[in-house]
């Protein structure tokens, strides 16, 4: 056997070993995805298992312990967890008595929301404390409203009286 052919064999064996290694491109494609959830205790009868479930999805043991304690106190807890499939997280936490609701940033159509009020851009901007030029840019899709503004616009769409109440009472302490 020549040294050239043995080198080819060595390289072929090495490539085969790399394909099965954790650092291969196939395993990089399966890297966990971060998902955000609001957690609420339903029947938290197995708190240790709940903490283990949270830890298995990327929380440190300390943060998992803190989250379970807050859940036991009937508080809602926001967490970012890692997994390929968020449904697996929801099912796994449900099995230990924790309801997990995915946090999804709302997508809004600013013009549709304003049109539902039947008012001008100027009046809408004034009524809800928005910059008129920004509102025009969002409606004409020159720019997209940032996530916080999209959330505010969704609240305006569903509960305009809450926003008006806050704005009208802003001067009062």
N, C-alpha and C. Protein backbone atom coordinates (compact mmCIF):
# COMPACT_ATOMS: atom_id res chain seq x y z
N UNK A 1 0.85 -1.17 0.00
CA UNK A 1 0.00 0.00 0.00
C UNK A 1 0.89 1.23 0.00
N UNK A 2 0.64 2.14 -0.91
CA UNK A 2 1.45 3.35 -0.97
C UNK A 2 1.01 4.33 0.10
N UNK A 3 1.91 5.28 0.38
CA UNK A 3 1.59 6.26 1.41
C UNK A 3 0.48 7.19 0.93
N UNK A 4 0.38 7.41 -0.39
CA UNK A 4 -0.66 8.27 -0.92
C UNK A 4 -2.04 7.65 -0.70
N UNK A 5 -2.18 6.35 -0.97
CA UNK A 5 -3.48 5.72 -0.76
C UNK A 5 -3.80 5.61 0.72
N UNK A 6 -2.81 5.40 1.58
CA UNK A 6 -3.11 5.32 3.00
C UNK A 6 -3.54 6.67 3.55
N UNK A 7 -2.99 7.75 2.99
CA UNK A 7 -3.40 9.09 3.41
C UNK A 7 -4.86 9.33 3.02
N UNK A 8 -5.25 8.89 1.81
CA UNK A 8 -6.63 9.01 1.38
C UNK A 8 -7.56 8.23 2.31
N UNK A 9 -7.14 7.04 2.67
CA UNK A 9 -7.94 6.23 3.58
C UNK A 9 -8.09 6.91 4.94
N UNK A 10 -6.99 7.47 5.44
CA UNK A 10 -7.04 8.17 6.73
C UNK A 10 -7.99 9.37 6.67
N UNK A 11 -7.90 10.11 5.59
CA UNK A 11 -8.78 11.27 5.43
C UNK A 11 -10.24 10.83 5.31
N UNK A 12 -10.49 9.77 4.59
CA UNK A 12 -11.86 9.27 4.45
C UNK A 12 -12.41 8.82 5.79
N UNK A 13 -11.58 8.10 6.57
CA UNK A 13 -12.02 7.67 7.90
C UNK A 13 -12.28 8.88 8.81
N UNK A 14 -11.41 9.87 8.70
CA UNK A 14 -11.57 11.07 9.54
C UNK A 14 -12.86 11.82 9.18
N UNK A 15 -13.13 11.96 7.88
CA UNK A 15 -14.37 12.62 7.45
C UNK A 15 -15.59 11.87 7.93
N UNK A 16 -15.53 10.54 7.87
CA UNK A 16 -16.64 9.72 8.36
C UNK A 16 -16.85 9.93 9.86
N UNK A 17 -15.77 10.04 10.61
CA UNK A 17 -15.87 10.26 12.05
C UNK A 17 -16.42 11.64 12.36
N UNK A 18 -16.02 12.63 11.57
CA UNK A 18 -16.52 13.99 11.79
C UNK A 18 -18.01 14.09 11.51
N UNK A 19 -18.50 13.34 10.51
CA UNK A 19 -19.92 13.39 10.20
C UNK A 19 -20.77 12.91 11.36
N UNK A 20 -20.28 12.00 12.14
CA UNK A 20 -21.03 11.49 13.28
C UNK A 20 -20.77 12.25 14.57
N UNK A 21 -19.86 13.25 14.53
CA UNK A 21 -19.50 13.97 15.75
C UNK A 21 -20.54 15.03 16.09
N UNK A 22 -20.58 15.45 17.36
CA UNK A 22 -21.55 16.47 17.77
C UNK A 22 -21.35 17.81 17.07
N UNK A 23 -20.15 18.07 16.59
CA UNK A 23 -19.88 19.36 15.97
C UNK A 23 -20.22 19.37 14.48
N UNK A 24 -20.83 18.33 13.97
CA UNK A 24 -21.14 18.27 12.55
C UNK A 24 -22.24 19.27 12.20
N UNK A 25 -22.36 19.56 10.92
CA UNK A 25 -23.36 20.53 10.48
C UNK A 25 -24.77 20.04 10.73
N UNK A 26 -24.99 18.74 10.71
CA UNK A 26 -26.33 18.20 10.97
C UNK A 26 -26.76 18.50 12.40
N UNK A 27 -25.83 18.36 13.35
CA UNK A 27 -26.21 18.62 14.73
C UNK A 27 -26.34 20.12 14.98
N UNK A 28 -25.62 20.93 14.23
CA UNK A 28 -25.77 22.38 14.38
C UNK A 28 -27.17 22.81 13.94
N UNK A 29 -27.73 22.13 12.95
CA UNK A 29 -29.08 22.46 12.49
C UNK A 29 -30.12 22.13 13.56
N UNK A 30 -29.77 21.22 14.47
CA UNK A 30 -30.70 20.82 15.51
C UNK A 30 -30.49 21.59 16.81
N UNK A 31 -29.78 22.70 16.75
CA UNK A 31 -29.52 23.51 17.92
C UNK A 31 -30.85 24.01 18.49
N UNK A 32 -31.02 23.95 19.82
CA UNK A 32 -32.30 24.36 20.41
C UNK A 32 -32.65 25.82 20.10
N UNK A 33 -33.93 26.08 20.03
CA UNK A 33 -34.45 27.42 19.74
C UNK A 33 -35.02 27.98 21.04
N UNK A 34 -34.80 29.26 21.29
CA UNK A 34 -35.37 29.89 22.48
C UNK A 34 -36.83 30.25 22.23
N UNK A 35 -37.66 29.90 23.19
CA UNK A 35 -39.08 30.22 23.15
C UNK A 35 -39.43 30.90 24.47
N UNK A 36 -40.25 31.93 24.42
CA UNK A 36 -40.66 32.63 25.64
C UNK A 36 -42.07 32.19 26.04
N UNK A 37 -42.26 32.03 27.35
CA UNK A 37 -43.53 31.55 27.88
C UNK A 37 -43.94 32.31 29.11
N UNK A 38 -45.25 32.36 29.34
CA UNK A 38 -45.80 32.75 30.62
C UNK A 38 -46.23 31.46 31.30
N UNK A 39 -45.74 31.24 32.50
CA UNK A 39 -46.05 30.02 33.24
C UNK A 39 -47.02 30.33 34.36
N UNK A 40 -47.94 29.39 34.59
CA UNK A 40 -48.91 29.52 35.66
C UNK A 40 -49.11 28.13 36.26
N UNK A 41 -49.09 28.04 37.59
CA UNK A 41 -49.28 26.75 38.25
C UNK A 41 -50.74 26.35 38.15
N UNK A 42 -50.97 25.10 37.73
CA UNK A 42 -52.32 24.56 37.74
C UNK A 42 -52.45 23.63 38.94
N UNK A 43 -51.82 22.49 38.86
CA UNK A 43 -51.76 21.55 39.98
C UNK A 43 -50.29 21.23 40.20
N UNK A 44 -49.63 22.08 40.91
CA UNK A 44 -48.19 21.93 41.11
C UNK A 44 -47.94 20.93 42.24
N UNK A 45 -48.24 19.66 41.95
CA UNK A 45 -48.09 18.62 42.97
C UNK A 45 -46.68 18.05 42.99
N UNK A 46 -45.91 18.29 41.92
CA UNK A 46 -44.55 17.75 41.84
C UNK A 46 -43.56 18.87 41.54
N UNK A 47 -43.29 19.74 42.52
CA UNK A 47 -42.43 20.89 42.26
C UNK A 47 -41.00 20.52 41.86
N UNK A 48 -40.47 19.43 42.41
CA UNK A 48 -39.12 19.02 42.04
C UNK A 48 -39.07 18.64 40.56
N UNK A 49 -40.09 17.93 40.10
CA UNK A 49 -40.16 17.54 38.69
C UNK A 49 -40.33 18.78 37.81
N UNK A 50 -41.08 19.76 38.29
CA UNK A 50 -41.26 21.00 37.53
C UNK A 50 -39.92 21.72 37.40
N UNK A 51 -39.16 21.80 38.48
CA UNK A 51 -37.84 22.43 38.43
C UNK A 51 -36.91 21.68 37.47
N UNK A 52 -36.96 20.34 37.50
CA UNK A 52 -36.14 19.54 36.58
C UNK A 52 -36.54 19.80 35.12
N UNK A 53 -37.84 19.91 34.88
CA UNK A 53 -38.31 20.16 33.52
C UNK A 53 -37.81 21.52 33.03
N UNK A 54 -37.87 22.53 33.90
CA UNK A 54 -37.37 23.86 33.52
C UNK A 54 -35.87 23.82 33.28
N UNK A 55 -35.15 23.13 34.13
CA UNK A 55 -33.69 23.01 33.98
C UNK A 55 -33.34 22.29 32.68
N UNK A 56 -34.11 21.28 32.33
CA UNK A 56 -33.82 20.53 31.11
C UNK A 56 -34.01 21.37 29.85
N UNK A 57 -34.68 22.52 29.99
CA UNK A 57 -34.89 23.40 28.84
C UNK A 57 -34.07 24.68 28.94
N UNK A 58 -32.96 24.61 29.69
CA UNK A 58 -31.99 25.70 29.65
C UNK A 58 -31.96 26.65 30.82
N UNK A 59 -32.87 26.55 31.78
CA UNK A 59 -32.78 27.41 32.96
C UNK A 59 -31.73 26.85 33.91
N UNK A 60 -31.05 27.75 34.61
CA UNK A 60 -30.13 27.27 35.64
C UNK A 60 -30.98 26.69 36.77
N UNK A 61 -30.36 25.87 37.60
CA UNK A 61 -31.09 25.27 38.71
C UNK A 61 -31.63 26.35 39.65
N UNK A 62 -30.85 27.38 39.86
CA UNK A 62 -31.28 28.48 40.74
C UNK A 62 -32.53 29.18 40.17
N UNK A 63 -32.50 29.49 38.86
CA UNK A 63 -33.64 30.16 38.23
C UNK A 63 -34.86 29.24 38.19
N UNK A 64 -34.64 27.96 37.96
CA UNK A 64 -35.74 27.01 37.95
C UNK A 64 -36.37 26.93 39.34
N UNK A 65 -35.54 26.89 40.37
CA UNK A 65 -36.03 26.85 41.75
C UNK A 65 -36.83 28.11 42.07
N UNK A 66 -36.30 29.27 41.68
CA UNK A 66 -37.00 30.54 41.91
C UNK A 66 -38.34 30.56 41.17
N UNK A 67 -38.35 30.08 39.94
CA UNK A 67 -39.59 30.06 39.16
C UNK A 67 -40.63 29.16 39.82
N UNK A 68 -40.22 27.99 40.28
CA UNK A 68 -41.17 27.07 40.92
C UNK A 68 -41.70 27.68 42.22
N UNK A 69 -40.84 28.34 43.00
CA UNK A 69 -41.31 29.00 44.23
C UNK A 69 -42.34 30.08 43.92
N UNK A 70 -42.10 30.86 42.87
CA UNK A 70 -43.06 31.90 42.49
C UNK A 70 -44.35 31.28 41.97
N UNK A 71 -44.24 30.19 41.24
CA UNK A 71 -45.44 29.48 40.78
C UNK A 71 -46.24 28.96 41.97
N UNK A 72 -45.56 28.44 42.97
CA UNK A 72 -46.23 27.93 44.17
C UNK A 72 -46.95 29.05 44.91
N UNK A 73 -46.45 30.28 44.76
CA UNK A 73 -47.09 31.45 45.38
C UNK A 73 -48.19 32.03 44.49
N UNK A 74 -48.60 31.27 43.46
CA UNK A 74 -49.68 31.65 42.53
C UNK A 74 -49.34 32.87 41.68
N UNK A 75 -48.06 33.06 41.39
CA UNK A 75 -47.64 34.16 40.53
C UNK A 75 -47.44 33.64 39.11
N UNK A 76 -47.56 34.54 38.15
CA UNK A 76 -47.27 34.20 36.76
C UNK A 76 -45.80 34.51 36.53
N UNK A 77 -45.11 33.58 35.87
CA UNK A 77 -43.67 33.68 35.68
C UNK A 77 -43.36 33.69 34.18
N UNK A 78 -42.52 34.64 33.76
CA UNK A 78 -42.07 34.70 32.37
C UNK A 78 -40.69 34.08 32.27
N UNK A 79 -40.52 33.16 31.32
CA UNK A 79 -39.23 32.48 31.13
C UNK A 79 -38.94 32.30 29.65
N UNK A 80 -37.64 32.17 29.34
CA UNK A 80 -37.20 31.77 28.01
C UNK A 80 -36.62 30.38 28.14
N UNK A 81 -37.17 29.44 27.38
CA UNK A 81 -36.74 28.05 27.44
C UNK A 81 -36.26 27.61 26.07
N UNK A 82 -35.40 26.59 26.05
CA UNK A 82 -34.82 26.10 24.80
C UNK A 82 -35.36 24.73 24.43
N UNK A 83 -35.73 24.59 23.17
CA UNK A 83 -36.15 23.30 22.61
C UNK A 83 -36.37 23.49 21.12
N UNK A 84 -36.38 22.39 20.39
CA UNK A 84 -36.70 22.45 18.97
C UNK A 84 -38.17 22.78 18.77
N UNK A 85 -39.01 22.21 19.61
CA UNK A 85 -40.45 22.30 19.43
C UNK A 85 -41.10 22.87 20.70
N UNK A 86 -41.74 24.00 20.59
CA UNK A 86 -42.34 24.60 21.78
C UNK A 86 -43.51 23.77 22.31
N UNK A 87 -44.15 22.97 21.46
CA UNK A 87 -45.23 22.09 21.93
C UNK A 87 -44.71 21.05 22.91
N UNK A 88 -43.46 20.62 22.72
CA UNK A 88 -42.86 19.65 23.64
C UNK A 88 -42.69 20.28 25.02
N UNK A 89 -42.33 21.55 25.06
CA UNK A 89 -42.19 22.26 26.34
C UNK A 89 -43.54 22.36 27.02
N UNK A 90 -44.56 22.77 26.26
CA UNK A 90 -45.91 22.92 26.81
C UNK A 90 -46.39 21.59 27.39
N UNK A 91 -46.21 20.51 26.64
CA UNK A 91 -46.67 19.19 27.09
C UNK A 91 -45.88 18.71 28.31
N UNK A 92 -44.57 18.91 28.30
CA UNK A 92 -43.74 18.48 29.41
C UNK A 92 -44.07 19.21 30.70
N UNK A 93 -44.32 20.50 30.60
CA UNK A 93 -44.67 21.27 31.80
C UNK A 93 -46.08 20.95 32.27
N UNK A 94 -47.00 20.70 31.34
CA UNK A 94 -48.37 20.33 31.72
C UNK A 94 -48.36 19.04 32.53
N UNK A 95 -47.46 18.13 32.18
CA UNK A 95 -47.37 16.85 32.90
C UNK A 95 -46.98 17.02 34.36
N UNK A 96 -46.33 18.14 34.68
CA UNK A 96 -45.93 18.39 36.08
C UNK A 96 -46.76 19.50 36.73
N UNK A 97 -47.87 19.85 36.10
CA UNK A 97 -48.81 20.80 36.70
C UNK A 97 -48.57 22.26 36.42
N UNK A 98 -47.85 22.55 35.35
CA UNK A 98 -47.57 23.96 35.00
C UNK A 98 -48.12 24.25 33.60
N UNK A 99 -48.98 25.26 33.52
CA UNK A 99 -49.50 25.69 32.22
C UNK A 99 -48.51 26.68 31.60
N UNK A 100 -48.09 26.41 30.37
CA UNK A 100 -47.14 27.28 29.67
C UNK A 100 -47.83 27.86 28.44
N UNK A 101 -47.92 29.18 28.40
CA UNK A 101 -48.51 29.87 27.24
C UNK A 101 -47.41 30.59 26.49
N UNK A 102 -47.21 30.27 25.21
CA UNK A 102 -46.17 30.95 24.44
C UNK A 102 -46.44 32.45 24.37
N UNK A 103 -45.38 33.24 24.49
CA UNK A 103 -45.47 34.69 24.34
C UNK A 103 -45.22 34.99 22.87
N UNK A 104 -46.19 35.60 22.24
CA UNK A 104 -46.09 35.92 20.82
C UNK A 104 -46.29 37.42 20.65
N UNK A 105 -45.33 38.08 20.01
CA UNK A 105 -45.46 39.50 19.74
C UNK A 105 -46.55 39.70 18.70
N UNK A 106 -47.47 40.62 18.96
CA UNK A 106 -48.56 40.81 18.01
C UNK A 106 -48.08 41.50 16.74
N UNK A 107 -48.70 41.14 15.65
CA UNK A 107 -48.47 41.83 14.37
C UNK A 107 -49.72 42.65 14.11
N UNK A 108 -49.53 43.90 13.81
CA UNK A 108 -50.68 44.78 13.65
C UNK A 108 -50.65 45.48 12.30
N UNK A 109 -51.84 45.85 11.85
CA UNK A 109 -51.99 46.68 10.67
C UNK A 109 -52.50 48.03 11.16
N UNK A 110 -51.59 49.00 11.23
CA UNK A 110 -51.89 50.30 11.83
C UNK A 110 -53.06 50.97 11.13
N UNK A 111 -53.08 50.94 9.82
CA UNK A 111 -54.15 51.61 9.07
C UNK A 111 -55.51 50.98 9.37
N UNK A 112 -55.57 49.66 9.46
CA UNK A 112 -56.82 48.98 9.78
C UNK A 112 -57.33 49.38 11.16
N UNK A 113 -56.42 49.48 12.11
CA UNK A 113 -56.80 49.88 13.47
C UNK A 113 -57.35 51.30 13.45
N UNK A 114 -56.64 52.21 12.78
CA UNK A 114 -57.10 53.61 12.72
C UNK A 114 -58.43 53.72 11.97
N UNK A 115 -58.55 52.99 10.87
CA UNK A 115 -59.79 53.02 10.09
C UNK A 115 -61.00 52.56 10.91
N UNK A 116 -60.77 51.62 11.84
CA UNK A 116 -61.87 51.14 12.69
C UNK A 116 -62.41 52.26 13.57
N UNK A 117 -61.57 53.24 13.88
CA UNK A 117 -62.02 54.39 14.67
C UNK A 117 -62.68 55.44 13.79
N UNK A 118 -62.42 55.38 12.48
CA UNK A 118 -63.01 56.34 11.55
C UNK A 118 -62.49 57.75 11.75
N UNK A 119 -61.22 57.88 12.12
CA UNK A 119 -60.65 59.21 12.37
C UNK A 119 -59.39 59.41 11.54
N UNK A 120 -58.96 60.65 11.44
CA UNK A 120 -57.77 60.98 10.64
C UNK A 120 -56.50 60.52 11.35
N UNK A 121 -55.42 60.50 10.58
CA UNK A 121 -54.13 60.16 11.17
C UNK A 121 -53.77 61.14 12.28
N UNK A 122 -54.02 62.39 12.03
CA UNK A 122 -53.69 63.42 13.01
C UNK A 122 -54.45 63.22 14.33
N UNK A 123 -55.76 62.97 14.23
CA UNK A 123 -56.56 62.77 15.44
C UNK A 123 -56.15 61.48 16.16
N UNK A 124 -55.89 60.41 15.41
CA UNK A 124 -55.48 59.15 16.02
C UNK A 124 -54.16 59.32 16.78
N UNK A 125 -53.20 60.01 16.15
CA UNK A 125 -51.90 60.25 16.78
C UNK A 125 -52.07 61.07 18.05
N UNK A 126 -52.88 62.10 18.00
CA UNK A 126 -53.11 62.96 19.17
C UNK A 126 -53.84 62.18 20.26
N UNK A 127 -54.86 61.44 19.88
CA UNK A 127 -55.69 60.71 20.85
C UNK A 127 -54.90 59.68 21.64
N UNK A 128 -53.91 59.04 20.98
CA UNK A 128 -53.18 57.96 21.63
C UNK A 128 -51.72 58.28 21.90
N UNK A 129 -51.33 59.56 21.80
CA UNK A 129 -49.98 59.97 22.18
C UNK A 129 -48.89 59.47 21.25
N UNK A 130 -49.17 59.38 19.96
CA UNK A 130 -48.20 58.89 18.99
C UNK A 130 -47.67 60.06 18.15
N UNK A 131 -46.49 59.91 17.59
CA UNK A 131 -45.94 60.90 16.68
C UNK A 131 -46.63 60.76 15.33
N UNK A 132 -47.14 61.86 14.80
CA UNK A 132 -47.87 61.83 13.53
C UNK A 132 -47.01 61.29 12.39
N UNK A 133 -45.76 61.76 12.30
CA UNK A 133 -44.88 61.29 11.21
C UNK A 133 -44.61 59.79 11.32
N UNK A 134 -44.44 59.30 12.52
CA UNK A 134 -44.22 57.86 12.71
C UNK A 134 -45.45 57.08 12.26
N UNK A 135 -46.63 57.55 12.66
CA UNK A 135 -47.88 56.90 12.27
C UNK A 135 -47.99 56.84 10.75
N UNK A 136 -47.69 57.93 10.08
CA UNK A 136 -47.74 57.96 8.61
C UNK A 136 -46.76 56.94 8.02
N UNK A 137 -45.54 56.90 8.57
CA UNK A 137 -44.54 55.95 8.06
C UNK A 137 -44.98 54.51 8.26
N UNK A 138 -45.60 54.21 9.40
CA UNK A 138 -46.07 52.83 9.65
C UNK A 138 -47.19 52.47 8.68
N UNK A 139 -48.13 53.40 8.49
CA UNK A 139 -49.25 53.11 7.59
C UNK A 139 -48.79 52.94 6.15
N UNK A 140 -47.81 53.72 5.74
CA UNK A 140 -47.32 53.63 4.36
C UNK A 140 -46.22 52.59 4.23
N UNK A 141 -45.98 51.86 5.29
CA UNK A 141 -45.02 50.75 5.35
C UNK A 141 -43.60 51.15 4.96
N UNK A 142 -43.25 52.40 5.27
CA UNK A 142 -41.86 52.81 5.10
C UNK A 142 -41.02 52.23 6.22
N UNK A 143 -41.63 52.16 7.39
CA UNK A 143 -40.99 51.59 8.57
C UNK A 143 -41.98 50.68 9.27
N UNK A 144 -41.44 49.75 10.02
CA UNK A 144 -42.30 48.89 10.83
C UNK A 144 -42.19 49.37 12.28
N UNK A 145 -43.32 49.44 12.95
CA UNK A 145 -43.32 49.84 14.36
C UNK A 145 -42.54 48.81 15.16
N UNK A 146 -41.79 49.27 16.16
CA UNK A 146 -41.03 48.33 16.98
C UNK A 146 -41.99 47.49 17.82
N UNK A 147 -41.51 46.40 18.41
CA UNK A 147 -42.40 45.48 19.14
C UNK A 147 -43.21 46.15 20.26
N UNK A 148 -42.63 47.11 20.96
CA UNK A 148 -43.37 47.78 22.04
C UNK A 148 -44.53 48.60 21.48
N UNK A 149 -44.32 49.27 20.37
CA UNK A 149 -45.39 50.05 19.73
C UNK A 149 -46.45 49.11 19.17
N UNK A 150 -46.04 47.98 18.60
CA UNK A 150 -47.02 47.03 18.09
C UNK A 150 -47.90 46.51 19.22
N UNK A 151 -47.30 46.29 20.38
CA UNK A 151 -48.07 45.87 21.54
C UNK A 151 -49.05 46.97 21.95
N UNK A 152 -48.58 48.21 22.00
CA UNK A 152 -49.46 49.33 22.34
C UNK A 152 -50.61 49.42 21.33
N UNK A 153 -50.30 49.28 20.06
CA UNK A 153 -51.34 49.36 19.03
C UNK A 153 -52.36 48.23 19.17
N UNK A 154 -51.91 47.04 19.57
CA UNK A 154 -52.84 45.93 19.80
C UNK A 154 -53.74 46.23 21.00
N UNK A 155 -53.17 46.86 22.04
CA UNK A 155 -53.99 47.27 23.19
C UNK A 155 -54.99 48.34 22.76
N UNK A 156 -54.56 49.28 21.94
CA UNK A 156 -55.47 50.31 21.42
C UNK A 156 -56.60 49.66 20.63
N UNK A 157 -56.26 48.65 19.83
CA UNK A 157 -57.27 47.95 19.03
C UNK A 157 -58.31 47.26 19.92
N UNK A 158 -57.85 46.59 20.97
CA UNK A 158 -58.74 45.80 21.82
C UNK A 158 -59.35 46.57 22.99
N UNK A 159 -58.57 47.49 23.57
CA UNK A 159 -59.03 48.21 24.77
C UNK A 159 -58.63 49.68 24.71
N UNK A 160 -59.16 50.43 23.74
CA UNK A 160 -58.75 51.83 23.61
C UNK A 160 -59.03 52.65 24.86
N UNK A 161 -60.08 52.27 25.59
CA UNK A 161 -60.44 53.03 26.79
C UNK A 161 -59.35 52.94 27.85
N UNK A 162 -58.62 51.85 27.91
CA UNK A 162 -57.54 51.71 28.89
C UNK A 162 -56.41 52.69 28.58
N UNK A 163 -56.06 52.82 27.30
CA UNK A 163 -55.00 53.74 26.90
C UNK A 163 -55.47 55.18 27.12
N UNK A 164 -56.71 55.47 26.73
CA UNK A 164 -57.25 56.83 26.93
C UNK A 164 -57.29 57.18 28.41
N UNK A 165 -57.67 56.23 29.25
CA UNK A 165 -57.73 56.45 30.69
C UNK A 165 -56.35 56.79 31.25
N UNK A 166 -55.34 56.05 30.81
CA UNK A 166 -53.97 56.31 31.27
C UNK A 166 -53.49 57.67 30.79
N UNK A 167 -53.74 57.99 29.52
CA UNK A 167 -53.29 59.26 28.98
C UNK A 167 -54.02 60.44 29.62
N UNK A 168 -55.32 60.30 29.82
CA UNK A 168 -56.10 61.39 30.41
C UNK A 168 -55.74 61.60 31.88
N UNK A 169 -55.33 60.54 32.55
CA UNK A 169 -54.99 60.63 33.96
C UNK A 169 -53.51 60.79 34.21
N UNK A 170 -52.72 60.97 33.15
CA UNK A 170 -51.27 61.03 33.29
C UNK A 170 -50.83 62.20 34.15
N UNK A 171 -51.57 63.30 34.14
CA UNK A 171 -51.22 64.48 34.93
C UNK A 171 -51.54 64.30 36.41
N UNK A 172 -52.44 63.37 36.70
CA UNK A 172 -52.81 63.12 38.10
C UNK A 172 -51.85 62.10 38.71
N UNK A 173 -51.54 62.32 39.96
CA UNK A 173 -50.60 61.42 40.64
C UNK A 173 -51.26 60.23 41.22
